[in-house]
Amino acid sequence: MAETEAALRTLAQNVRTARTRAGLSLDELCRRAKVSKGALAGLEKAQGNPNFATLVRLADTLGISVSALMEGPAEGRVRVVTADAVMPLWKGEHGSEARLMLTTATPAPVEIWRWKLEPGEEYPSHPHQAGVAESVSVTAGRMVLVVDGTEHSVEAGQTAAFVGDTAHTYRGAGTDTCHLIMTVHLPPGPA
């Protein structure tokens, strides 16, 4: 429980700092990110339990990565993260999940995600900010990637890349669990 409270305090501080740096009032960030004022005010007070979609909308609006909202200060030149060390940011009803493993500390950050999609289960994503590109590399099983309403089958050993500024969906396909690594390439942030 203490670990969850510490993570929520870090998130609250990072959201306040990013909002202030962007010169946005609480009301303006709520309007742009389409987040209720009560939810954002609670989040900035380290209260509540924001969902994955809310975190993505806030990060996109602030022009930063999701992990920039969630991580504390860098610990050194090399960072090694195991999947069980990070909590899933999304869990499906049938066992699917998405874990943000880390984000590179570079001018144009890259988020690295581990996904597990159960057959038939899907995650619909809203369009990201302009300049965001994604890639999905399936390591086991099969998935369907839907971009702009067009379905693309991606199987083990295949990688698909696309521009993320349009609606897209990830869906488990076939009869086995699909495992994939996703990278989200973000545009350079403010200096």
N, C-alpha and C. Protein backbone atom coordinates (compact mmCIF):
# COMPACT_ATOMS: atom_id res chain seq x y z
N MET A 1 0.82 -1.19 0.00
CA MET A 1 0.00 0.00 0.00
C MET A 1 0.87 1.26 0.00
N ALA A 2 1.96 1.25 0.77
CA ALA A 2 2.84 2.41 0.82
C ALA A 2 3.45 2.69 -0.55
N GLU A 3 3.73 1.61 -1.32
CA GLU A 3 4.30 1.78 -2.66
C GLU A 3 3.30 2.47 -3.59
N THR A 4 2.03 2.11 -3.48
CA THR A 4 0.98 2.75 -4.30
C THR A 4 0.82 4.21 -3.93
N GLU A 5 0.84 4.52 -2.64
CA GLU A 5 0.73 5.91 -2.19
C GLU A 5 1.92 6.74 -2.67
N ALA A 6 3.12 6.17 -2.62
CA ALA A 6 4.31 6.88 -3.10
C ALA A 6 4.21 7.13 -4.60
N ALA A 7 3.72 6.14 -5.36
CA ALA A 7 3.57 6.31 -6.81
C ALA A 7 2.54 7.40 -7.11
N LEU A 8 1.46 7.46 -6.34
CA LEU A 8 0.43 8.49 -6.55
C LEU A 8 0.97 9.88 -6.21
N ARG A 9 1.80 9.98 -5.17
CA ARG A 9 2.42 11.27 -4.83
C ARG A 9 3.37 11.73 -5.95
N THR A 10 4.15 10.80 -6.50
CA THR A 10 5.05 11.13 -7.61
C THR A 10 4.24 11.59 -8.81
N LEU A 11 3.17 10.87 -9.14
CA LEU A 11 2.30 11.24 -10.25
C LEU A 11 1.72 12.64 -10.03
N ALA A 12 1.23 12.91 -8.83
CA ALA A 12 0.65 14.23 -8.52
C ALA A 12 1.66 15.34 -8.72
N GLN A 13 2.87 15.14 -8.21
CA GLN A 13 3.91 16.16 -8.34
C GLN A 13 4.28 16.36 -9.81
N ASN A 14 4.41 15.27 -10.56
CA ASN A 14 4.81 15.37 -11.97
C ASN A 14 3.73 16.05 -12.81
N VAL A 15 2.46 15.79 -12.54
CA VAL A 15 1.38 16.45 -13.27
C VAL A 15 1.38 17.95 -12.98
N ARG A 16 1.48 18.31 -11.69
CA ARG A 16 1.52 19.74 -11.32
C ARG A 16 2.70 20.44 -11.98
N THR A 17 3.88 19.81 -11.92
CA THR A 17 5.08 20.40 -12.49
C THR A 17 4.95 20.59 -14.00
N ALA A 18 4.46 19.56 -14.69
CA ALA A 18 4.31 19.64 -16.16
C ALA A 18 3.26 20.68 -16.54
N ARG A 19 2.17 20.75 -15.77
CA ARG A 19 1.12 21.74 -16.06
C ARG A 19 1.65 23.16 -15.87
N THR A 20 2.39 23.36 -14.79
CA THR A 20 2.97 24.68 -14.52
C THR A 20 3.99 25.05 -15.60
N ARG A 21 4.85 24.09 -15.96
CA ARG A 21 5.86 24.33 -17.00
C ARG A 21 5.19 24.69 -18.33
N ALA A 22 4.05 24.08 -18.61
CA ALA A 22 3.33 24.35 -19.86
C ALA A 22 2.53 25.66 -19.79
N GLY A 23 2.47 26.26 -18.60
CA GLY A 23 1.74 27.52 -18.44
C GLY A 23 0.24 27.34 -18.52
N LEU A 24 -0.26 26.17 -18.10
CA LEU A 24 -1.69 25.89 -18.17
C LEU A 24 -2.34 25.96 -16.80
N SER A 25 -3.49 26.57 -16.75
CA SER A 25 -4.29 26.54 -15.52
C SER A 25 -4.91 25.16 -15.39
N LEU A 26 -5.42 24.87 -14.23
CA LEU A 26 -6.12 23.61 -14.02
C LEU A 26 -7.29 23.50 -14.99
N ASP A 27 -8.07 24.57 -15.11
CA ASP A 27 -9.22 24.57 -16.02
C ASP A 27 -8.82 24.33 -17.47
N GLU A 28 -7.73 24.98 -17.92
CA GLU A 28 -7.31 24.84 -19.31
C GLU A 28 -6.81 23.43 -19.61
N LEU A 29 -6.05 22.84 -18.68
CA LEU A 29 -5.60 21.46 -18.89
C LEU A 29 -6.80 20.51 -18.93
N CYS A 30 -7.77 20.74 -18.05
CA CYS A 30 -8.98 19.90 -18.07
C CYS A 30 -9.68 19.99 -19.42
N ARG A 31 -9.82 21.20 -19.92
CA ARG A 31 -10.51 21.40 -21.19
C ARG A 31 -9.77 20.71 -22.33
N ARG A 32 -8.46 20.95 -22.42
CA ARG A 32 -7.67 20.38 -23.52
C ARG A 32 -7.57 18.86 -23.46
N ALA A 33 -7.41 18.31 -22.24
CA ALA A 33 -7.24 16.86 -22.09
C ALA A 33 -8.57 16.12 -21.97
N LYS A 34 -9.66 16.88 -21.89
CA LYS A 34 -11.00 16.27 -21.73
C LYS A 34 -11.04 15.40 -20.47
N VAL A 35 -10.56 16.00 -19.36
CA VAL A 35 -10.56 15.36 -18.04
C VAL A 35 -11.38 16.26 -17.12
N SER A 36 -12.18 15.66 -16.26
CA SER A 36 -12.99 16.48 -15.36
C SER A 36 -12.10 17.23 -14.37
N LYS A 37 -12.59 18.41 -13.97
CA LYS A 37 -11.82 19.23 -13.03
C LYS A 37 -11.64 18.51 -11.70
N GLY A 38 -12.70 17.81 -11.26
CA GLY A 38 -12.61 17.08 -10.00
C GLY A 38 -11.55 15.98 -10.05
N ALA A 39 -11.49 15.26 -11.17
CA ALA A 39 -10.50 14.19 -11.31
C ALA A 39 -9.08 14.76 -11.32
N LEU A 40 -8.87 15.87 -12.06
CA LEU A 40 -7.53 16.45 -12.13
C LEU A 40 -7.13 17.07 -10.80
N ALA A 41 -8.05 17.78 -10.16
CA ALA A 41 -7.75 18.38 -8.85
C ALA A 41 -7.38 17.28 -7.84
N GLY A 42 -8.15 16.18 -7.85
CA GLY A 42 -7.84 15.07 -6.96
C GLY A 42 -6.49 14.45 -7.27
N LEU A 43 -6.20 14.30 -8.57
CA LEU A 43 -4.93 13.73 -8.98
C LEU A 43 -3.77 14.60 -8.50
N GLU A 44 -3.90 15.91 -8.64
CA GLU A 44 -2.81 16.80 -8.20
C GLU A 44 -2.67 16.84 -6.69
N LYS A 45 -3.65 16.31 -5.96
CA LYS A 45 -3.57 16.21 -4.49
C LYS A 45 -3.21 14.79 -4.07
N ALA A 46 -2.81 13.95 -5.04
CA ALA A 46 -2.43 12.55 -4.80
C ALA A 46 -3.61 11.75 -4.27
N GLN A 47 -4.80 12.05 -4.79
CA GLN A 47 -6.01 11.33 -4.42
C GLN A 47 -6.62 10.73 -5.68
N GLY A 48 -7.37 9.67 -5.51
CA GLY A 48 -8.05 9.07 -6.65
C GLY A 48 -7.25 7.94 -7.26
N ASN A 49 -7.77 7.46 -8.39
CA ASN A 49 -7.16 6.33 -9.09
C ASN A 49 -7.36 6.55 -10.59
N PRO A 50 -6.50 7.36 -11.22
CA PRO A 50 -6.70 7.67 -12.64
C PRO A 50 -6.55 6.43 -13.51
N ASN A 51 -7.39 6.35 -14.54
CA ASN A 51 -7.28 5.21 -15.45
C ASN A 51 -6.24 5.50 -16.53
N PHE A 52 -5.92 4.47 -17.28
CA PHE A 52 -4.90 4.54 -18.32
C PHE A 52 -5.23 5.60 -19.36
N ALA A 53 -6.47 5.64 -19.81
CA ALA A 53 -6.86 6.62 -20.84
C ALA A 53 -6.67 8.05 -20.35
N THR A 54 -6.96 8.30 -19.09
CA THR A 54 -6.77 9.64 -18.52
C THR A 54 -5.29 10.01 -18.52
N LEU A 55 -4.43 9.08 -18.12
CA LEU A 55 -2.99 9.35 -18.11
C LEU A 55 -2.48 9.64 -19.51
N VAL A 56 -2.94 8.89 -20.51
CA VAL A 56 -2.50 9.11 -21.89
C VAL A 56 -2.96 10.49 -22.37
N ARG A 57 -4.21 10.86 -22.09
CA ARG A 57 -4.72 12.17 -22.52
C ARG A 57 -3.94 13.30 -21.87
N LEU A 58 -3.64 13.17 -20.57
CA LEU A 58 -2.85 14.20 -19.88
C LEU A 58 -1.45 14.30 -20.48
N ALA A 59 -0.80 13.16 -20.67
CA ALA A 59 0.55 13.16 -21.24
C ALA A 59 0.56 13.77 -22.63
N ASP A 60 -0.38 13.37 -23.48
CA ASP A 60 -0.44 13.92 -24.83
C ASP A 60 -0.66 15.43 -24.80
N THR A 61 -1.55 15.89 -23.95
CA THR A 61 -1.85 17.32 -23.86
C THR A 61 -0.65 18.10 -23.36
N LEU A 62 0.08 17.52 -22.42
CA LEU A 62 1.26 18.19 -21.86
C LEU A 62 2.51 18.01 -22.72
N GLY A 63 2.41 17.16 -23.76
CA GLY A 63 3.54 16.95 -24.66
C GLY A 63 4.67 16.16 -24.04
N ILE A 64 4.33 15.24 -23.13
CA ILE A 64 5.34 14.41 -22.48
C ILE A 64 4.90 12.95 -22.53
N SER A 65 5.75 12.05 -22.10
CA SER A 65 5.41 10.63 -22.10
C SER A 65 4.60 10.27 -20.86
N VAL A 66 3.89 9.16 -20.94
CA VAL A 66 3.15 8.67 -19.78
C VAL A 66 4.12 8.39 -18.64
N SER A 67 5.25 7.80 -18.93
CA SER A 67 6.18 7.49 -17.85
C SER A 67 6.78 8.74 -17.23
N ALA A 68 6.87 9.85 -17.99
CA ALA A 68 7.34 11.10 -17.39
C ALA A 68 6.38 11.56 -16.31
N LEU A 69 5.13 11.18 -16.42
CA LEU A 69 4.16 11.50 -15.37
C LEU A 69 4.32 10.58 -14.16
N MET A 70 4.85 9.38 -14.38
CA MET A 70 4.84 8.37 -13.34
C MET A 70 6.18 8.12 -12.65
N GLU A 71 7.27 8.49 -13.30
CA GLU A 71 8.59 8.12 -12.76
C GLU A 71 9.17 9.20 -11.87
N GLY A 72 9.95 8.74 -10.90
CA GLY A 72 10.72 9.64 -10.06
C GLY A 72 12.00 10.02 -10.78
N PRO A 73 12.93 10.65 -10.09
CA PRO A 73 14.19 11.04 -10.73
C PRO A 73 14.98 9.84 -11.24
N ALA A 74 15.77 10.07 -12.29
CA ALA A 74 16.60 9.01 -12.88
C ALA A 74 17.57 8.47 -11.84
N GLU A 75 17.83 7.17 -11.93
CA GLU A 75 18.68 6.52 -10.94
C GLU A 75 20.11 6.30 -11.41
N GLY A 76 20.40 6.49 -12.67
CA GLY A 76 21.75 6.27 -13.16
C GLY A 76 21.76 6.15 -14.67
N ARG A 77 22.92 5.80 -15.22
CA ARG A 77 23.07 5.73 -16.67
C ARG A 77 22.38 4.52 -17.28
N VAL A 78 22.28 3.44 -16.53
CA VAL A 78 21.65 2.22 -17.05
C VAL A 78 20.48 1.86 -16.13
N ARG A 79 19.37 1.56 -16.75
CA ARG A 79 18.19 1.17 -15.98
C ARG A 79 17.70 -0.17 -16.49
N VAL A 80 17.60 -1.15 -15.61
CA VAL A 80 17.11 -2.47 -15.95
C VAL A 80 15.78 -2.65 -15.23
N VAL A 81 14.74 -3.01 -15.99
CA VAL A 81 13.40 -3.15 -15.43
C VAL A 81 12.86 -4.53 -15.79
N THR A 82 12.31 -5.22 -14.81
CA THR A 82 11.65 -6.50 -15.06
C THR A 82 10.14 -6.27 -15.11
N ALA A 83 9.45 -7.10 -15.85
CA ALA A 83 8.00 -6.93 -16.03
C ALA A 83 7.25 -6.94 -14.71
N ASP A 84 7.68 -7.75 -13.76
CA ASP A 84 6.95 -7.81 -12.49
C ASP A 84 7.26 -6.62 -11.58
N ALA A 85 8.20 -5.77 -11.99
CA ALA A 85 8.53 -4.59 -11.19
C ALA A 85 7.61 -3.41 -11.49
N VAL A 86 6.84 -3.48 -12.57
CA VAL A 86 5.93 -2.39 -12.92
C VAL A 86 4.50 -2.92 -12.96
N MET A 87 3.60 -2.12 -12.44
CA MET A 87 2.18 -2.50 -12.41
C MET A 87 1.58 -2.31 -13.80
N PRO A 88 0.64 -3.16 -14.18
CA PRO A 88 -0.06 -2.94 -15.45
C PRO A 88 -0.83 -1.61 -15.41
N LEU A 89 -0.77 -0.86 -16.50
CA LEU A 89 -1.54 0.37 -16.60
C LEU A 89 -2.93 0.10 -17.18
N TRP A 90 -3.08 -1.05 -17.81
CA TRP A 90 -4.39 -1.47 -18.31
C TRP A 90 -4.51 -2.96 -18.11
N LYS A 91 -5.69 -3.38 -17.65
CA LYS A 91 -6.01 -4.80 -17.54
C LYS A 91 -7.35 -5.03 -18.19
N GLY A 92 -7.40 -6.03 -19.07
CA GLY A 92 -8.66 -6.42 -19.70
C GLY A 92 -9.44 -7.37 -18.80
N GLU A 93 -10.68 -7.58 -19.14
CA GLU A 93 -11.55 -8.45 -18.34
C GLU A 93 -11.13 -9.92 -18.41
N HIS A 94 -10.40 -10.31 -19.45
CA HIS A 94 -10.04 -11.71 -19.65
C HIS A 94 -8.56 -12.00 -19.46
N GLY A 95 -7.83 -11.08 -18.80
CA GLY A 95 -6.43 -11.33 -18.49
C GLY A 95 -5.43 -10.56 -19.33
N SER A 96 -5.89 -9.79 -20.31
CA SER A 96 -4.97 -8.97 -21.09
C SER A 96 -4.40 -7.87 -20.20
N GLU A 97 -3.24 -7.35 -20.57
CA GLU A 97 -2.64 -6.26 -19.79
C GLU A 97 -1.58 -5.53 -20.60
N ALA A 98 -1.31 -4.31 -20.17
CA ALA A 98 -0.26 -3.49 -20.78
C ALA A 98 0.59 -2.90 -19.67
N ARG A 99 1.90 -3.05 -19.81
CA ARG A 99 2.84 -2.52 -18.81
C ARG A 99 3.82 -1.59 -19.50
N LEU A 100 3.91 -0.36 -19.03
CA LEU A 100 4.90 0.59 -19.52
C LEU A 100 6.20 0.28 -18.80
N MET A 101 7.15 -0.31 -19.54
CA MET A 101 8.40 -0.75 -18.93
C MET A 101 9.32 0.43 -18.61
N LEU A 102 9.50 1.32 -19.58
CA LEU A 102 10.33 2.50 -19.36
C LEU A 102 10.21 3.44 -20.54
N THR A 103 10.71 4.63 -20.34
CA THR A 103 10.79 5.63 -21.41
C THR A 103 12.23 6.11 -21.48
N THR A 104 12.77 6.17 -22.68
CA THR A 104 14.15 6.63 -22.82
C THR A 104 14.24 8.10 -22.44
N ALA A 105 15.36 8.47 -21.85
CA ALA A 105 15.59 9.86 -21.44
C ALA A 105 16.34 10.59 -22.54
N THR A 106 15.65 10.83 -23.63
CA THR A 106 16.24 11.48 -24.79
C THR A 106 15.34 12.63 -25.23
N PRO A 107 15.84 13.55 -26.05
CA PRO A 107 15.00 14.67 -26.51
C PRO A 107 13.72 14.21 -27.21
N ALA A 108 13.77 13.11 -27.96
CA ALA A 108 12.58 12.52 -28.57
C ALA A 108 12.38 11.15 -27.90
N PRO A 109 11.68 11.11 -26.77
CA PRO A 109 11.59 9.88 -25.98
C PRO A 109 10.89 8.75 -26.70
N VAL A 110 11.23 7.53 -26.29
CA VAL A 110 10.58 6.32 -26.79
C VAL A 110 10.07 5.55 -25.57
N GLU A 111 8.76 5.26 -25.56
CA GLU A 111 8.18 4.42 -24.52
C GLU A 111 8.27 2.97 -24.98
N ILE A 112 8.62 2.09 -24.05
CA ILE A 112 8.69 0.66 -24.35
C ILE A 112 7.67 -0.05 -23.46
N TRP A 113 6.74 -0.73 -24.13
CA TRP A 113 5.62 -1.39 -23.47
C TRP A 113 5.67 -2.90 -23.69
N ARG A 114 5.18 -3.66 -22.72
CA ARG A 114 4.96 -5.10 -22.86
C ARG A 114 3.46 -5.31 -22.77
N TRP A 115 2.90 -5.95 -23.79
CA TRP A 115 1.46 -6.22 -23.84
C TRP A 115 1.21 -7.70 -23.87
N LYS A 116 0.09 -8.09 -23.28
CA LYS A 116 -0.44 -9.45 -23.38
C LYS A 116 -1.90 -9.28 -23.77
N LEU A 117 -2.29 -9.86 -24.91
CA LEU A 117 -3.67 -9.78 -25.40
C LEU A 117 -4.27 -11.17 -25.48
N GLU A 118 -5.34 -11.37 -24.78
CA GLU A 118 -6.05 -12.65 -24.85
C GLU A 118 -6.91 -12.66 -26.12
N PRO A 119 -7.16 -13.84 -26.69
CA PRO A 119 -7.96 -13.92 -27.92
C PRO A 119 -9.30 -13.18 -27.79
N GLY A 120 -9.58 -12.30 -28.73
CA GLY A 120 -10.82 -11.56 -28.76
C GLY A 120 -10.85 -10.31 -27.91
N GLU A 121 -9.93 -10.16 -26.99
CA GLU A 121 -9.93 -8.97 -26.13
C GLU A 121 -9.19 -7.84 -26.84
N GLU A 122 -9.68 -6.62 -26.66
CA GLU A 122 -9.08 -5.50 -27.38
C GLU A 122 -8.96 -4.26 -26.52
N TYR A 123 -8.06 -3.40 -26.95
CA TYR A 123 -7.89 -2.09 -26.32
C TYR A 123 -7.98 -1.03 -27.42
N PRO A 124 -9.03 -0.20 -27.39
CA PRO A 124 -9.12 0.89 -28.36
C PRO A 124 -8.39 2.12 -27.83
N SER A 125 -7.54 2.71 -28.64
CA SER A 125 -6.76 3.88 -28.24
C SER A 125 -7.25 5.10 -29.00
N HIS A 126 -7.33 6.20 -28.29
CA HIS A 126 -7.68 7.46 -28.97
C HIS A 126 -6.47 7.96 -29.75
N PRO A 127 -6.66 8.87 -30.67
CA PRO A 127 -5.51 9.43 -31.41
C PRO A 127 -4.56 10.15 -30.46
N HIS A 128 -3.27 9.98 -30.70
CA HIS A 128 -2.25 10.68 -29.91
C HIS A 128 -1.93 12.02 -30.57
N GLN A 129 -1.06 12.79 -29.90
CA GLN A 129 -0.65 14.07 -30.45
C GLN A 129 0.08 13.88 -31.78
N ALA A 130 0.09 14.93 -32.59
CA ALA A 130 0.81 14.88 -33.87
C ALA A 130 2.27 14.54 -33.63
N GLY A 131 2.83 13.72 -34.50
CA GLY A 131 4.24 13.36 -34.40
C GLY A 131 4.51 12.08 -33.66
N VAL A 132 3.49 11.44 -33.10
CA VAL A 132 3.67 10.18 -32.38
C VAL A 132 3.61 9.03 -33.39
N ALA A 133 4.59 8.13 -33.33
CA ALA A 133 4.60 6.93 -34.16
C ALA A 133 4.69 5.73 -33.24
N GLU A 134 4.05 4.64 -33.63
CA GLU A 134 4.07 3.42 -32.83
C GLU A 134 4.54 2.25 -33.67
N SER A 135 5.11 1.26 -32.99
CA SER A 135 5.41 -0.01 -33.63
C SER A 135 5.01 -1.11 -32.66
N VAL A 136 4.54 -2.22 -33.22
CA VAL A 136 4.20 -3.39 -32.41
C VAL A 136 4.95 -4.58 -33.00
N SER A 137 5.68 -5.30 -32.15
CA SER A 137 6.42 -6.50 -32.55
C SER A 137 5.84 -7.68 -31.78
N VAL A 138 5.19 -8.57 -32.49
CA VAL A 138 4.56 -9.72 -31.87
C VAL A 138 5.62 -10.80 -31.64
N THR A 139 5.75 -11.24 -30.38
CA THR A 139 6.74 -12.26 -30.04
C THR A 139 6.11 -13.64 -29.92
N ALA A 140 4.79 -13.70 -29.69
CA ALA A 140 4.08 -14.98 -29.62
C ALA A 140 2.61 -14.72 -29.92
N GLY A 141 1.98 -15.66 -30.60
CA GLY A 141 0.56 -15.53 -30.91
C GLY A 141 0.31 -14.63 -32.10
N ARG A 142 -0.90 -14.05 -32.12
CA ARG A 142 -1.30 -13.21 -33.24
C ARG A 142 -2.22 -12.12 -32.73
N MET A 143 -2.17 -10.98 -33.38
CA MET A 143 -3.05 -9.86 -33.03
C MET A 143 -3.62 -9.25 -34.30
N VAL A 144 -4.64 -8.44 -34.12
CA VAL A 144 -5.16 -7.62 -35.20
C VAL A 144 -4.95 -6.18 -34.76
N LEU A 145 -4.29 -5.42 -35.61
CA LEU A 145 -4.09 -4.00 -35.40
C LEU A 145 -5.07 -3.28 -36.30
N VAL A 146 -5.89 -2.42 -35.72
CA VAL A 146 -6.87 -1.67 -36.50
C VAL A 146 -6.45 -0.20 -36.50
N VAL A 147 -6.17 0.34 -37.68
CA VAL A 147 -5.78 1.74 -37.82
C VAL A 147 -6.69 2.37 -38.85
N ASP A 148 -7.35 3.45 -38.46
CA ASP A 148 -8.31 4.13 -39.34
C ASP A 148 -9.37 3.18 -39.88
N GLY A 149 -9.78 2.22 -39.06
CA GLY A 149 -10.83 1.29 -39.47
C GLY A 149 -10.38 0.12 -40.32
N THR A 150 -9.10 0.07 -40.69
CA THR A 150 -8.58 -1.04 -41.50
C THR A 150 -7.84 -2.02 -40.59
N GLU A 151 -8.18 -3.31 -40.73
CA GLU A 151 -7.57 -4.35 -39.91
C GLU A 151 -6.29 -4.89 -40.57
N HIS A 152 -5.27 -5.10 -39.72
CA HIS A 152 -3.99 -5.65 -40.17
C HIS A 152 -3.64 -6.80 -39.23
N SER A 153 -3.46 -8.00 -39.77
CA SER A 153 -3.06 -9.14 -38.97
C SER A 153 -1.54 -9.08 -38.76
N VAL A 154 -1.11 -9.24 -37.52
CA VAL A 154 0.31 -9.22 -37.18
C VAL A 154 0.58 -10.48 -36.37
N GLU A 155 1.48 -11.34 -36.88
CA GLU A 155 1.76 -12.62 -36.25
C GLU A 155 3.14 -12.64 -35.62
N ALA A 156 3.39 -13.69 -34.84
CA ALA A 156 4.69 -13.85 -34.18
C ALA A 156 5.81 -13.68 -35.20
N GLY A 157 6.80 -12.88 -34.85
CA GLY A 157 7.92 -12.62 -35.74
C GLY A 157 7.70 -11.44 -36.66
N GLN A 158 6.53 -10.83 -36.62
CA GLN A 158 6.25 -9.67 -37.47
C GLN A 158 6.16 -8.40 -36.64
N THR A 159 6.47 -7.28 -37.30
CA THR A 159 6.39 -5.96 -36.68
C THR A 159 5.59 -5.05 -37.60
N ALA A 160 4.74 -4.25 -37.02
CA ALA A 160 3.96 -3.25 -37.76
C ALA A 160 4.27 -1.88 -37.19
N ALA A 161 4.33 -0.89 -38.05
CA ALA A 161 4.57 0.49 -37.61
C ALA A 161 3.50 1.38 -38.23
N PHE A 162 3.12 2.42 -37.48
CA PHE A 162 2.08 3.32 -37.96
C PHE A 162 2.16 4.65 -37.21
N VAL A 163 1.53 5.66 -37.79
CA VAL A 163 1.45 6.97 -37.16
C VAL A 163 0.29 6.90 -36.17
N GLY A 164 0.52 7.33 -34.93
CA GLY A 164 -0.46 7.16 -33.86
C GLY A 164 -1.43 8.30 -33.68
N ASP A 165 -1.48 9.24 -34.63
CA ASP A 165 -2.37 10.39 -34.44
C ASP A 165 -3.77 10.14 -35.00
N THR A 166 -4.14 8.88 -35.13
CA THR A 166 -5.48 8.49 -35.56
C THR A 166 -5.97 7.37 -34.64
N ALA A 167 -7.26 7.13 -34.61
CA ALA A 167 -7.79 6.07 -33.76
C ALA A 167 -7.18 4.73 -34.15
N HIS A 168 -6.86 3.92 -33.16
CA HIS A 168 -6.28 2.60 -33.40
C HIS A 168 -6.67 1.64 -32.27
N THR A 169 -6.68 0.36 -32.60
CA THR A 169 -7.10 -0.66 -31.65
C THR A 169 -6.15 -1.84 -31.74
N TYR A 170 -5.86 -2.46 -30.59
CA TYR A 170 -5.06 -3.68 -30.52
C TYR A 170 -6.00 -4.80 -30.08
N ARG A 171 -6.04 -5.91 -30.81
CA ARG A 171 -6.96 -7.01 -30.49
C ARG A 171 -6.22 -8.34 -30.56
N GLY A 172 -6.39 -9.15 -29.53
CA GLY A 172 -5.85 -10.50 -29.56
C GLY A 172 -6.60 -11.32 -30.58
N ALA A 173 -5.91 -12.17 -31.33
CA ALA A 173 -6.54 -12.97 -32.38
C ALA A 173 -6.05 -14.41 -32.26
N GLY A 174 -6.71 -15.30 -32.97
CA GLY A 174 -6.32 -16.71 -32.93
C GLY A 174 -6.82 -17.37 -31.66
N THR A 175 -6.13 -18.44 -31.25
CA THR A 175 -6.55 -19.21 -30.08
C THR A 175 -5.57 -19.09 -28.92
N ASP A 176 -4.40 -18.52 -29.16
CA ASP A 176 -3.38 -18.40 -28.11
C ASP A 176 -3.21 -16.95 -27.67
N THR A 177 -2.66 -16.76 -26.49
CA THR A 177 -2.36 -15.42 -25.99
C THR A 177 -1.32 -14.77 -26.88
N CYS A 178 -1.53 -13.52 -27.21
CA CYS A 178 -0.58 -12.75 -28.00
C CYS A 178 0.31 -11.95 -27.06
N HIS A 179 1.61 -12.04 -27.25
CA HIS A 179 2.58 -11.24 -26.50
C HIS A 179 3.25 -10.31 -27.50
N LEU A 180 3.38 -9.04 -27.12
CA LEU A 180 4.02 -8.10 -28.02
C LEU A 180 4.78 -7.04 -27.26
N ILE A 181 5.74 -6.47 -27.95
CA ILE A 181 6.49 -5.31 -27.46
C ILE A 181 6.05 -4.13 -28.32
N MET A 182 5.62 -3.08 -27.68
CA MET A 182 5.21 -1.87 -28.39
C MET A 182 6.20 -0.76 -28.06
N THR A 183 6.55 0.00 -29.08
CA THR A 183 7.32 1.23 -28.86
C THR A 183 6.47 2.39 -29.31
N VAL A 184 6.49 3.45 -28.52
CA VAL A 184 5.78 4.67 -28.85
C VAL A 184 6.84 5.76 -28.96
N HIS A 185 7.02 6.27 -30.17
CA HIS A 185 8.04 7.28 -30.45
C HIS A 185 7.38 8.65 -30.34
N LEU A 186 7.82 9.43 -29.35
CA LEU A 186 7.21 10.74 -29.08
C LEU A 186 8.02 11.84 -29.73
N PRO A 187 7.38 12.93 -30.11
CA PRO A 187 8.14 14.04 -30.66
C PRO A 187 8.99 14.69 -29.57
N PRO A 188 10.02 15.42 -29.96
CA PRO A 188 10.86 16.08 -28.94
C PRO A 188 10.01 16.96 -28.04
N GLY A 189 10.29 16.90 -26.75
CA GLY A 189 9.57 17.72 -25.79
C GLY A 189 10.20 19.09 -25.63
N PRO A 190 9.60 19.89 -24.76
CA PRO A 190 10.16 21.23 -24.53
C PRO A 190 11.54 21.12 -23.92
N ALA A 191 12.39 22.03 -24.30
CA ALA A 191 13.78 22.00 -23.80
C ALA A 191 13.85 22.37 -22.35
